[in-house]
N, C-alpha and C. Protein backbone atom coordinates (compact mmCIF):
# COMPACT_ATOMS: atom_id res chain seq x y z
N MET A 1 24.60 -38.15 -46.64
CA MET A 1 25.92 -38.77 -46.22
C MET A 1 25.69 -38.85 -44.46
N ILE A 2 25.60 -37.37 -44.20
CA ILE A 2 25.77 -37.45 -42.68
C ILE A 2 24.73 -37.70 -42.05
N TYR A 3 23.38 -37.75 -42.52
CA TYR A 3 22.27 -38.39 -41.82
C TYR A 3 22.58 -39.95 -41.59
N LEU A 4 23.31 -40.42 -42.61
CA LEU A 4 23.51 -41.84 -42.19
C LEU A 4 24.29 -42.07 -40.87
N LEU A 5 25.48 -41.25 -40.93
CA LEU A 5 26.53 -41.52 -39.95
C LEU A 5 25.62 -40.93 -38.67
N TYR A 6 24.84 -40.43 -38.43
CA TYR A 6 24.01 -39.90 -37.30
C TYR A 6 22.96 -40.85 -37.01
N LEU A 7 22.27 -41.53 -37.80
CA LEU A 7 21.31 -42.66 -37.62
C LEU A 7 22.23 -43.42 -36.88
N SER A 8 22.99 -44.06 -37.51
CA SER A 8 23.87 -45.26 -36.99
C SER A 8 24.47 -44.97 -35.37
N LEU A 9 24.88 -43.44 -35.03
CA LEU A 9 25.27 -42.72 -33.74
C LEU A 9 24.12 -43.14 -32.91
N ILE A 10 22.91 -42.73 -33.32
CA ILE A 10 21.88 -42.73 -32.74
C ILE A 10 21.42 -44.40 -32.34
N ILE A 11 21.34 -45.27 -33.29
CA ILE A 11 20.70 -46.33 -33.16
C ILE A 11 22.17 -47.21 -32.08
N ILE A 12 23.10 -46.78 -32.19
CA ILE A 12 23.92 -47.33 -31.40
C ILE A 12 23.52 -47.11 -29.59
N SER A 13 23.54 -45.59 -29.71
CA SER A 13 23.00 -44.95 -28.67
C SER A 13 22.09 -45.66 -27.87
N ILE A 14 20.81 -45.96 -28.59
CA ILE A 14 19.55 -46.34 -28.17
C ILE A 14 19.83 -47.90 -27.42
N LEU A 15 20.35 -48.66 -28.55
CA LEU A 15 20.74 -50.13 -28.25
C LEU A 15 21.66 -50.38 -27.05
N THR A 16 22.46 -49.21 -26.87
CA THR A 16 23.65 -49.78 -25.46
C THR A 16 23.23 -48.94 -24.32
N GLY A 17 21.57 -48.13 -24.18
CA GLY A 17 20.92 -47.66 -23.51
C GLY A 17 21.61 -46.38 -22.78
N SER A 18 22.58 -45.66 -23.70
CA SER A 18 23.44 -44.77 -23.10
C SER A 18 22.48 -43.22 -23.59
N TYR A 19 21.06 -43.51 -23.67
CA TYR A 19 20.31 -42.27 -24.16
C TYR A 19 19.51 -42.14 -22.91
N GLU A 20 19.34 -42.91 -22.02
CA GLU A 20 18.51 -43.01 -21.02
C GLU A 20 18.29 -42.02 -19.95
N GLY A 21 19.68 -42.03 -19.46
CA GLY A 21 19.90 -40.73 -18.59
C GLY A 21 19.83 -39.21 -18.65
N GLU A 22 20.02 -39.19 -20.17
CA GLU A 22 19.75 -38.09 -20.72
C GLU A 22 18.25 -37.84 -20.90
N VAL A 23 17.53 -38.47 -21.54
CA VAL A 23 16.26 -38.22 -21.73
C VAL A 23 15.26 -38.07 -20.26
N ASN A 24 15.58 -38.84 -19.28
CA ASN A 24 15.28 -38.84 -18.04
C ASN A 24 15.50 -37.09 -17.35
N LYS A 25 16.72 -36.63 -17.76
CA LYS A 25 16.98 -35.30 -17.15
C LYS A 25 16.05 -34.34 -17.73
N PHE A 26 16.23 -34.58 -19.50
CA PHE A 26 15.18 -33.56 -20.01
C PHE A 26 14.03 -33.78 -19.58
N ASN A 27 13.29 -34.94 -19.66
CA ASN A 27 11.85 -35.22 -18.87
C ASN A 27 11.74 -34.32 -17.72
N ASP A 28 12.41 -34.39 -16.95
CA ASP A 28 12.40 -33.84 -15.27
C ASP A 28 12.45 -32.30 -15.80
N THR A 29 13.25 -31.88 -16.67
CA THR A 29 13.60 -30.41 -16.67
C THR A 29 12.58 -29.91 -17.15
N PHE A 30 11.98 -30.54 -17.97
CA PHE A 30 11.05 -29.86 -18.98
C PHE A 30 9.61 -30.41 -18.88
N ASN A 31 9.57 -31.39 -17.62
CA ASN A 31 7.86 -31.99 -17.77
C ASN A 31 7.30 -32.42 -18.53
N THR A 32 8.07 -33.40 -19.37
CA THR A 32 7.36 -33.72 -20.43
C THR A 32 7.46 -35.44 -20.67
N ASN A 33 7.11 -36.06 -21.57
CA ASN A 33 7.27 -37.29 -21.47
C ASN A 33 7.41 -38.06 -22.89
N ILE A 34 8.81 -37.43 -23.31
CA ILE A 34 9.67 -38.11 -24.67
C ILE A 34 10.40 -39.18 -24.21
N ASN A 35 10.30 -40.57 -25.35
CA ASN A 35 11.24 -41.44 -24.92
C ASN A 35 12.11 -41.36 -25.95
N ASN A 36 13.15 -42.58 -26.06
CA ASN A 36 14.21 -42.63 -27.27
C ASN A 36 13.75 -42.32 -28.64
N TRP A 37 12.84 -42.83 -28.82
CA TRP A 37 12.78 -43.16 -30.08
C TRP A 37 11.82 -41.68 -30.65
N ASP A 38 11.35 -40.90 -30.08
CA ASP A 38 11.22 -39.76 -30.24
C ASP A 38 12.55 -38.74 -30.51
N LEU A 39 13.31 -39.03 -29.72
CA LEU A 39 14.53 -37.77 -30.07
C LEU A 39 15.36 -38.78 -31.28
N PHE A 40 15.17 -40.03 -31.34
CA PHE A 40 15.54 -40.44 -32.70
C PHE A 40 15.51 -39.79 -33.97
N PHE A 41 13.95 -40.07 -33.83
CA PHE A 41 13.14 -39.13 -35.20
C PHE A 41 13.36 -37.58 -34.88
N ILE A 42 13.29 -36.79 -34.13
CA ILE A 42 13.95 -35.51 -34.35
C ILE A 42 14.95 -35.53 -34.78
N GLY A 43 15.79 -36.16 -34.10
CA GLY A 43 17.55 -36.03 -34.51
C GLY A 43 17.38 -36.53 -36.08
N LEU A 44 16.97 -37.21 -36.54
CA LEU A 44 17.03 -37.68 -38.24
C LEU A 44 16.25 -36.73 -38.66
N ILE A 45 15.20 -36.26 -38.50
CA ILE A 45 14.64 -34.91 -39.15
C ILE A 45 15.89 -33.69 -39.34
N PHE A 46 16.28 -33.54 -38.42
CA PHE A 46 16.95 -32.73 -38.22
C PHE A 46 18.29 -32.51 -39.33
N ALA A 47 19.01 -33.79 -39.22
CA ALA A 47 19.78 -34.21 -39.65
C ALA A 47 19.59 -34.16 -41.57
N ILE A 48 18.65 -34.88 -41.75
CA ILE A 48 18.39 -34.94 -43.11
C ILE A 48 18.08 -33.20 -43.35
N ILE A 49 17.22 -32.63 -42.94
CA ILE A 49 16.97 -31.26 -43.54
C ILE A 49 18.70 -30.44 -43.47
N PHE A 50 19.49 -30.84 -42.62
CA PHE A 50 20.73 -30.08 -42.83
C PHE A 50 21.85 -30.86 -43.87
N GLN A 51 21.16 -31.76 -44.05
CA GLN A 51 22.31 -32.51 -45.63
C GLN A 51 21.28 -32.05 -46.64
N SER A 52 20.32 -31.81 -46.82
CA SER A 52 19.50 -30.84 -47.90
C SER A 52 19.86 -29.56 -48.21
N PHE A 53 20.31 -28.69 -46.99
CA PHE A 53 20.63 -27.46 -47.35
C PHE A 53 22.53 -27.45 -47.49
N ARG A 54 22.84 -28.28 -47.17
CA ARG A 54 24.35 -28.65 -47.84
C ARG A 54 24.09 -29.01 -49.50
N ASP A 55 23.54 -30.18 -49.62
CA ASP A 55 23.55 -30.28 -51.15
C ASP A 55 23.21 -29.12 -51.59
N LEU A 56 22.06 -28.14 -51.49
CA LEU A 56 21.78 -27.50 -52.23
C LEU A 56 22.57 -26.20 -52.40
N GLU A 57 23.38 -26.13 -51.22
CA GLU A 57 24.21 -25.00 -50.84
C GLU A 57 25.63 -25.28 -52.22
N ASN A 58 26.07 -26.68 -52.31
CA ASN A 58 26.66 -27.43 -53.13
C ASN A 58 26.42 -27.05 -54.83
N LYS A 59 25.05 -27.30 -55.04
CA LYS A 59 24.51 -27.41 -56.45
C LYS A 59 24.69 -25.90 -56.77
N LEU A 60 24.53 -24.74 -55.61
CA LEU A 60 24.15 -23.14 -56.26
C LEU A 60 26.01 -22.79 -56.18
N LYS A 61 26.71 -23.65 -55.91
CA LYS A 61 28.39 -23.41 -56.05
C LYS A 61 28.62 -23.81 -57.34
N LEU A 62 28.08 -24.87 -57.74
CA LEU A 62 28.53 -25.23 -59.04
C LEU A 62 27.74 -24.53 -60.38
N ILE A 63 26.60 -23.79 -59.75
CA ILE A 63 25.66 -23.25 -60.83
C ILE A 63 26.70 -21.85 -60.98
N GLU A 64 27.25 -21.34 -59.86
CA GLU A 64 27.99 -19.91 -59.67
C GLU A 64 29.27 -20.11 -60.59
N GLU A 65 29.88 -21.33 -60.25
CA GLU A 65 31.14 -21.47 -60.98
C GLU A 65 30.81 -21.61 -62.61
N LYS A 66 29.69 -22.11 -63.10
CA LYS A 66 29.40 -22.39 -64.47
C LYS A 66 29.05 -20.65 -65.12
N LEU A 67 28.62 -20.05 -64.12
CA LEU A 67 28.06 -18.50 -64.49
C LEU A 67 29.43 -17.85 -64.92
N ASN A 68 30.20 -18.13 -63.83
CA ASN A 68 31.60 -17.12 -63.75
C ASN A 68 32.45 -17.67 -65.22
N LYS A 69 32.26 -19.00 -65.62
CA LYS A 69 33.30 -19.53 -66.42
C LYS A 69 32.58 -18.84 -68.13
N ASN A 70 31.10 -18.81 -67.77
CA ASN A 70 30.73 -18.29 -68.93
C ASN A 70 31.00 -16.46 -69.23
N LYS A 71 31.18 -15.89 -68.36
CA LYS A 71 31.89 -14.42 -68.34
C LYS A 71 32.66 -14.35 -69.31
């Protein structure tokens, strides 16, 4: 769910052009040549990984609760 929110925010930022200044600052600072879509996919991957860990944490809590009920 959180990655869908992140995805929509990034798409809006790219479409409105508000990312351009930050990308140019990043490229100047680290002497790289990335663009908006590179940042979009990197952010999307991190959001999916973060959501996966949250789902795993929730499943582990449910298992722990079931184990505690059985005691």
